[in-house]
Amino acid sequence: MKVSRRKYLWLRVACLSFLPVLAIAQSSDAARNLDACKAGRETCDHSKLSPAEAKDVALALHTRNVVNCRSGFESCDHSKLNRSEAIALAVADHKSNVAACQEGMQSCDRSKLTPSEAQDSSAADHHRNVADCKDGVGSCDHSKLTKFESGEVDAARHQLNASDCKNGSGLCDHSQLTPSETKEVSSAEHERNARNCKSGWDDCDHSKLTASEAAQSADAEHERNLAVCKSSQETCDYSKLTPSEGKGLADAEHQRNYTACLKGYGYCDPTRLTPSEAKAIQAGHDPAPR
């Protein structure tokens, strides 16, 4: 009898010890279900919500619907908006449409504009067309320009063409240039060609250089070649170095090779060491100056 009573007590203690674990598991499941309901997921089980939780879920779903409607999402359900929310949405949609029409966007619905808004939108379209015609971009419609605007557009396009020709960019039409502009453009093109040649750029025509410019270009090319040779780049042309430059590079490479052999770091070619250098390396110290 005592044994049975003892077993009963132990069983009761064991059951009580599992209660917190079960409570935590249930609490975790309830939290996950609440999150699923607030997020509108299919895993939501509304029957497991408390009255307070159901109220919170309803508020969260309503708020999400309002946001979806204000964002123009297809998931918006207008029937679930209250009067104030519906009015606010209508005001926001109208403002958005007015802005779209002012900016010439495809989403513009002119049928929803007031007469004054439609007039402002038409004026914005006209100004935009004038700007496109002046810049030579967009969908310019010359038929919509006034006589004065046509004159302004022609002057702007002429100036733009002259600028493109001077800068070597855009669609330059030399036939549209005045004699003075042609002279300025020729000077700009010559300077640009000389700068390209001196910089080693592809767009260079050496035949158009003066004797002085050709000499400057050659000097710049020589200095670039010397620099790449000093940095041991593959584009180095050793045949274009002067005897003194070649000797300087050879001496520098000899010193680099010796240092690499001495320190055991970097590419080392022992066959290029002098006897004194090889002996110094074996002894672990610098050799006497050569």
Protein backbone atom coordinates (compact mmCIF):
# COMPACT_ATOMS: atom_id res chain seq x y z
CA MET A 1 0.00 0.00 0.00
CA LYS A 2 2.84 2.37 0.84
CA VAL A 3 4.53 1.53 -2.47
CA SER A 4 1.41 2.34 -4.47
CA ARG A 5 0.96 5.61 -2.60
CA ARG A 6 4.60 6.50 -3.27
CA LYS A 7 4.20 5.76 -7.00
CA TYR A 8 1.11 7.93 -7.09
CA LEU A 9 2.95 10.85 -5.51
CA TRP A 10 5.87 10.53 -7.96
CA LEU A 11 3.46 10.39 -10.90
CA ARG A 12 1.70 13.48 -9.68
CA VAL A 13 5.01 15.35 -9.29
CA ALA A 14 6.03 14.30 -12.83
CA CYS A 15 2.77 15.55 -14.28
CA LEU A 16 3.06 18.88 -12.49
CA SER A 17 6.63 19.32 -13.80
CA PHE A 18 5.38 19.08 -17.39
CA LEU A 19 2.74 21.74 -16.92
CA PRO A 20 5.11 24.74 -17.48
CA VAL A 21 6.44 23.11 -20.63
CA LEU A 22 2.94 22.58 -21.95
CA ALA A 23 1.97 26.12 -21.02
CA ILE A 24 4.98 27.54 -22.88
CA ALA A 25 4.22 25.43 -25.97
CA GLN A 26 0.61 26.53 -25.95
CA SER A 27 1.64 30.14 -25.47
CA SER A 28 4.07 29.89 -28.40
CA ASP A 29 1.40 28.35 -30.64
CA ALA A 30 -1.04 31.07 -29.67
CA ALA A 31 1.52 33.79 -30.47
CA ARG A 32 2.26 32.27 -33.87
CA ASN A 33 -1.44 32.03 -34.64
CA LEU A 34 -1.96 35.65 -33.61
CA ASP A 35 0.87 36.78 -35.87
CA ALA A 36 -0.56 34.74 -38.75
CA CYS A 37 -3.99 36.30 -38.28
CA LYS A 38 -2.59 39.84 -38.14
CA ALA A 39 -0.60 39.13 -41.32
CA GLY A 40 -3.66 37.73 -43.05
CA ARG A 41 -2.06 34.35 -43.67
CA GLU A 42 -4.08 31.23 -44.45
CA THR A 43 -2.68 29.45 -41.40
CA CYS A 44 -4.69 31.77 -39.14
CA ASP A 45 -7.28 30.02 -36.96
CA HIS A 46 -9.74 32.69 -35.80
CA SER A 47 -11.44 30.23 -33.46
CA LYS A 48 -8.34 30.21 -31.26
CA LEU A 49 -8.30 33.99 -30.75
CA SER A 50 -9.48 35.62 -27.58
CA PRO A 51 -11.97 38.51 -27.90
CA ALA A 52 -9.16 41.03 -27.35
CA GLU A 53 -6.94 39.31 -29.90
CA ALA A 54 -9.75 39.18 -32.44
CA LYS A 55 -10.22 42.93 -32.01
CA ASP A 56 -6.49 43.55 -32.54
CA VAL A 57 -6.50 41.35 -35.66
CA ALA A 58 -9.49 43.18 -37.11
CA LEU A 59 -7.75 46.52 -36.53
CA ALA A 60 -4.52 45.29 -38.13
CA LEU A 61 -6.32 43.96 -41.21
CA HIS A 62 -8.31 47.19 -41.55
CA THR A 63 -5.16 49.30 -41.31
CA ARG A 64 -3.45 47.14 -43.95
CA ASN A 65 -6.41 47.58 -46.28
CA VAL A 66 -6.26 51.36 -45.86
CA VAL A 67 -2.56 51.32 -46.73
CA ASN A 68 -3.19 49.10 -49.76
CA CYS A 69 -5.87 51.49 -51.00
CA ARG A 70 -3.65 54.56 -50.53
CA SER A 71 -0.84 52.74 -52.37
CA GLY A 72 -3.08 51.81 -55.29
CA PHE A 73 -2.70 48.06 -54.77
CA GLU A 74 -5.23 45.66 -56.32
CA SER A 75 -5.78 44.05 -52.92
CA CYS A 76 -7.59 47.23 -51.79
CA ASP A 77 -11.22 46.62 -50.75
CA HIS A 78 -13.01 49.98 -50.96
CA SER A 79 -16.11 48.53 -49.34
CA LYS A 80 -14.23 48.13 -46.06
CA LEU A 81 -13.25 51.81 -45.80
CA ASN A 82 -15.23 54.07 -43.50
CA ARG A 83 -16.54 57.40 -44.79
CA SER A 84 -13.56 59.46 -43.60
CA GLU A 85 -11.07 56.99 -45.07
CA ALA A 86 -12.93 56.89 -48.39
CA ILE A 87 -12.93 60.71 -48.60
CA ALA A 88 -9.21 60.90 -47.75
CA LEU A 89 -8.46 58.30 -50.42
CA ALA A 90 -10.48 60.21 -53.03
CA VAL A 91 -8.61 63.44 -52.22
CA ALA A 92 -5.24 61.68 -52.43
CA ASP A 93 -6.15 59.99 -55.74
CA HIS A 94 -7.25 63.31 -57.22
CA LYS A 95 -4.02 65.03 -56.20
CA SER A 96 -2.00 62.16 -57.66
CA ASN A 97 -3.89 62.38 -60.96
CA VAL A 98 -3.40 66.16 -61.16
CA ALA A 99 0.36 65.69 -60.60
CA ALA A 100 0.50 62.95 -63.26
CA CYS A 101 -1.22 65.23 -65.77
CA GLN A 102 1.09 68.13 -64.93
CA GLU A 103 4.12 65.91 -65.54
CA GLY A 104 2.76 64.39 -68.75
CA MET A 105 2.60 60.86 -67.37
CA GLN A 106 0.60 58.12 -69.10
CA SER A 107 -1.39 57.46 -65.93
CA CYS A 108 -3.04 60.89 -66.31
CA ASP A 109 -6.85 60.81 -66.62
CA ARG A 110 -7.85 64.23 -67.96
CA SER A 111 -11.56 63.39 -67.60
CA LYS A 112 -11.14 63.68 -63.83
CA LEU A 113 -9.61 67.19 -63.93
CA THR A 114 -11.49 70.36 -63.13
CA PRO A 115 -11.57 73.03 -65.89
CA SER A 116 -8.81 75.05 -64.20
CA GLU A 117 -6.71 71.94 -63.61
CA ALA A 118 -7.15 70.92 -67.25
CA GLN A 119 -6.03 74.41 -68.33
CA ASP A 120 -2.92 74.23 -66.12
CA SER A 121 -2.14 70.75 -67.45
CA SER A 122 -2.41 71.97 -71.06
CA ALA A 123 -0.08 74.88 -70.26
CA ALA A 124 2.43 72.44 -68.72
CA ASP A 125 2.23 70.26 -71.85
CA HIS A 126 2.91 73.30 -74.04
CA HIS A 127 5.92 74.43 -71.98
CA ARG A 128 7.26 70.89 -72.01
CA ASN A 129 6.91 70.73 -75.81
CA VAL A 130 8.77 74.04 -76.20
CA ALA A 131 11.60 72.75 -73.97
CA ASP A 132 11.81 69.47 -75.92
CA CYS A 133 12.01 71.36 -79.20
CA LYS A 134 14.78 73.62 -77.88
CA ASP A 135 16.78 70.68 -76.54
CA GLY A 136 16.14 68.44 -79.50
CA VAL A 137 14.83 65.68 -77.27
CA GLY A 138 11.52 64.07 -76.48
CA SER A 139 8.47 64.25 -78.71
CA CYS A 140 8.81 67.80 -80.08
CA ASP A 141 5.78 68.95 -82.09
CA HIS A 142 6.71 72.07 -84.10
CA SER A 143 3.10 72.52 -85.19
CA LYS A 144 2.17 73.50 -81.63
CA LEU A 145 4.73 76.32 -81.44
CA THR A 146 3.85 79.97 -81.84
CA LYS A 147 5.81 82.07 -84.35
CA PHE A 148 7.82 83.63 -81.50
CA GLU A 149 8.50 80.22 -79.93
CA SER A 150 9.63 78.84 -83.31
CA GLY A 151 12.21 81.64 -83.49
CA GLU A 152 13.40 80.86 -79.97
CA VAL A 153 13.63 77.15 -80.79
CA ASP A 154 15.66 77.82 -83.98
CA ALA A 155 18.07 80.03 -82.05
CA ALA A 156 18.41 77.44 -79.25
CA ARG A 157 19.00 74.59 -81.72
CA HIS A 158 21.62 76.66 -83.58
CA GLN A 159 23.45 77.38 -80.33
CA LEU A 160 23.21 73.72 -79.31
CA ASN A 161 24.64 72.60 -82.64
CA ALA A 162 27.56 75.05 -82.34
CA SER A 163 28.23 73.79 -78.80
CA ASP A 164 28.16 70.15 -79.93
CA CYS A 165 30.60 70.90 -82.73
CA LYS A 166 32.99 72.68 -80.35
CA ASN A 167 32.82 69.87 -77.81
CA GLY A 168 32.98 67.07 -80.36
CA SER A 169 29.75 65.59 -79.01
CA GLY A 170 26.14 65.26 -80.05
CA LEU A 171 24.98 65.57 -83.66
CA CYS A 172 27.21 68.30 -85.04
CA ASP A 173 26.16 69.76 -88.42
CA HIS A 174 29.02 71.88 -89.78
CA SER A 175 26.81 73.20 -92.57
CA GLN A 176 24.72 75.09 -90.00
CA LEU A 177 27.68 77.01 -88.59
CA THR A 178 28.44 80.65 -89.34
CA PRO A 179 31.94 81.56 -90.64
CA SER A 180 33.01 82.75 -87.17
CA GLU A 181 31.59 79.61 -85.54
CA THR A 182 33.35 77.44 -88.11
CA LYS A 183 36.64 79.10 -87.17
CA GLU A 184 36.01 78.58 -83.44
CA VAL A 185 35.02 74.94 -84.00
CA SER A 186 38.14 74.26 -86.09
CA SER A 187 40.31 75.73 -83.34
CA ALA A 188 38.52 73.64 -80.69
CA GLU A 189 38.87 70.47 -82.78
CA HIS A 190 42.60 71.13 -83.28
CA GLU A 191 43.15 71.66 -79.54
CA ARG A 192 41.15 68.53 -78.72
CA ASN A 193 43.19 66.46 -81.19
CA ALA A 194 46.47 67.78 -79.76
CA ARG A 195 45.26 66.96 -76.23
CA ASN A 196 44.23 63.46 -77.28
CA CYS A 197 47.62 62.81 -78.90
CA LYS A 198 49.51 64.11 -75.88
CA SER A 199 47.38 61.94 -73.56
CA GLY A 200 47.87 58.83 -75.69
CA TRP A 201 44.16 58.47 -76.46
CA ASP A 202 42.88 56.63 -79.54
CA ASP A 203 41.07 59.61 -81.06
CA CYS A 204 44.32 61.23 -82.23
CA ASP A 205 45.42 62.27 -85.72
CA HIS A 206 49.16 62.94 -85.68
CA SER A 207 49.02 64.39 -89.20
CA LYS A 208 47.10 67.40 -87.86
CA LEU A 209 49.72 68.31 -85.22
CA THR A 210 52.12 71.22 -85.53
CA ALA A 211 55.83 70.53 -85.16
CA SER A 212 55.73 71.77 -81.57
CA GLU A 213 52.64 69.70 -80.72
CA ALA A 214 54.17 66.60 -82.33
CA ALA A 215 57.30 67.06 -80.18
CA GLN A 216 55.20 67.46 -77.00
CA SER A 217 53.17 64.36 -77.91
CA ALA A 218 56.36 62.35 -78.48
CA ASP A 219 57.83 63.49 -75.15
CA ALA A 220 54.62 62.53 -73.32
CA GLU A 221 54.59 59.12 -75.02
CA HIS A 222 58.22 58.57 -74.03
CA GLU A 223 57.49 59.42 -70.40
CA ARG A 224 54.49 57.05 -70.34
CA ASN A 225 56.62 54.24 -71.77
CA LEU A 226 59.37 54.89 -69.22
CA ALA A 227 56.83 54.79 -66.40
CA VAL A 228 55.37 51.42 -67.48
CA CYS A 229 58.90 50.04 -67.91
CA LYS A 230 59.79 51.10 -64.36
CA SER A 231 56.71 49.31 -63.06
CA SER A 232 57.54 46.20 -65.14
CA GLN A 233 54.27 46.28 -67.08
CA GLU A 234 53.85 44.14 -70.19
CA THR A 235 53.24 47.19 -72.43
CA CYS A 236 56.80 48.44 -71.90
CA ASP A 237 58.77 48.96 -75.13
CA TYR A 238 62.43 48.74 -74.10
CA SER A 239 63.55 49.65 -77.61
CA LYS A 240 62.27 53.20 -77.09
CA LEU A 241 64.41 53.84 -73.98
CA THR A 242 67.57 55.91 -74.09
CA PRO A 243 70.86 54.18 -73.17
CA SER A 244 70.93 55.95 -69.79
CA GLU A 245 67.29 55.02 -69.07
CA GLY A 246 67.97 51.42 -70.01
CA LYS A 247 71.02 51.33 -67.71
CA GLY A 248 69.03 52.88 -64.88
CA LEU A 249 66.29 50.28 -65.22
CA ALA A 250 68.86 47.47 -65.40
CA ASP A 251 70.59 48.73 -62.24
CA ALA A 252 67.25 49.02 -60.43
CA GLU A 253 66.28 45.49 -61.47
CA HIS A 254 69.68 44.15 -60.36
CA GLN A 255 69.22 45.74 -56.94
CA ARG A 256 65.67 44.37 -56.69
CA ASN A 257 66.88 40.87 -57.54
CA TYR A 258 69.69 41.03 -55.00
CA THR A 259 67.32 42.28 -52.27
CA ALA A 260 64.87 39.47 -53.05
CA CYS A 261 67.66 36.88 -52.84
CA LEU A 262 69.04 38.40 -49.63
CA LYS A 263 65.69 38.60 -47.83
CA GLY A 264 64.17 35.48 -49.33
CA TYR A 265 61.11 37.44 -50.40
CA GLY A 266 60.08 38.05 -54.03
CA TYR A 267 61.42 36.61 -57.30
CA CYS A 268 65.15 35.81 -57.01
CA ASP A 269 67.48 34.74 -59.86
CA PRO A 270 70.77 33.60 -58.25
CA THR A 271 72.47 33.43 -61.66
CA ARG A 272 72.33 37.23 -61.93
CA LEU A 273 74.18 37.82 -58.66
CA THR A 274 77.77 39.03 -58.67
CA PRO A 275 80.29 36.82 -56.85
CA SER A 276 80.49 39.35 -54.02
CA GLU A 277 76.69 39.46 -53.69
CA ALA A 278 76.41 35.68 -53.66
CA LYS A 279 79.16 35.52 -51.02
CA ALA A 280 77.43 38.24 -48.97
CA ILE A 281 74.15 36.37 -49.05
CA GLN A 282 75.86 33.20 -47.83
CA ALA A 283 77.45 35.23 -45.04
CA GLY A 284 74.12 36.96 -44.30
CA HIS A 285 75.20 40.57 -44.78
CA ASP A 286 75.42 43.23 -47.51
CA PRO A 287 78.44 43.09 -49.84
CA ALA A 288 80.98 45.83 -50.28
CA PRO A 289 79.95 48.49 -52.80
CA ARG A 290 80.80 47.58 -56.39
